[in-house]
């Protein structure tokens, strides 16, 4: 049963003419009483890549559920060693060890891991044959730094705090306590507030994780992600999929991640198909079970 605070918040959002979205499954997205069960194939992928995780860490498991598809990337790619990078130094150090390539596309510098770049160029070549285009969606369409993710995170956290403070959903003391935390420390606190119905997306009607990646978790850090300008074209999406590029973050429509296999191989890596609107997304098959 929803709390009275959740009901009041949803009522307010409805009065503003916005349809609330809890998450892709329609359930409470951050529940301290949940336990997580990983698909054995996905668990094997994590173990093979030496990705450490704790089933009892609710924040990490939520992040893994939303953004973890990148850890299944194949075809010579290297996946990040962290579910959540702790700081700028750890991101810079890891990115420096990965072979990457860069190329200007439509005047925008695109930086990707070498296998991902090779597949993208091949997809662009075929697209051109069909009079289609595959171009980056903005100057930050490909690789990002830790600082980039922190900036995006704060662009949602600060307005959200101001809004919920104004609506008396939180006290000034609570807001100030969150502001004093490091960005990574803010993640569980923001998710706990969202579990009460106090959302932090730009539109304030869904989780912040469906608006921006939590700091240090963006798939763009892996150099395996690209935001595509022509994402609304179904032929472009199908073509990208043939070259191993798939949509892996629900509601982030321009976002594609290089997984390096054909679609029929994705379930064997522990990924599940999630349909949202007219889009197909591939997410880790992780089940959240209420105790």
Foldseek 3Di string as FASTA:
>chain_A
DADPLQVVLCVVLVVVVDHFDADLVRDLLQDLQKFKDFDPLQVVLCVVLQADDDRNPRLLVSLCQFQVLQSLADDPARFDNYQFDPDQVSLVVVVVVAAWDWDAFPNEIAIAGPLLVVLVVVLQVVCVVVVHHWTFDDNLFAADTLVVQLVLLCVQLVVLLVVCCVVVVDDPVLSVVLVPDDQVVNSVVQSVSVSNVSARAPSRRYHVCLRGNRRRNDPRSSRFKGQTPPLVDPVSQVSSLVSQWFAAGPNSRRMIGRRRDHPVCLVSSQWDWRDDDNGIHTGHPMDIGRD
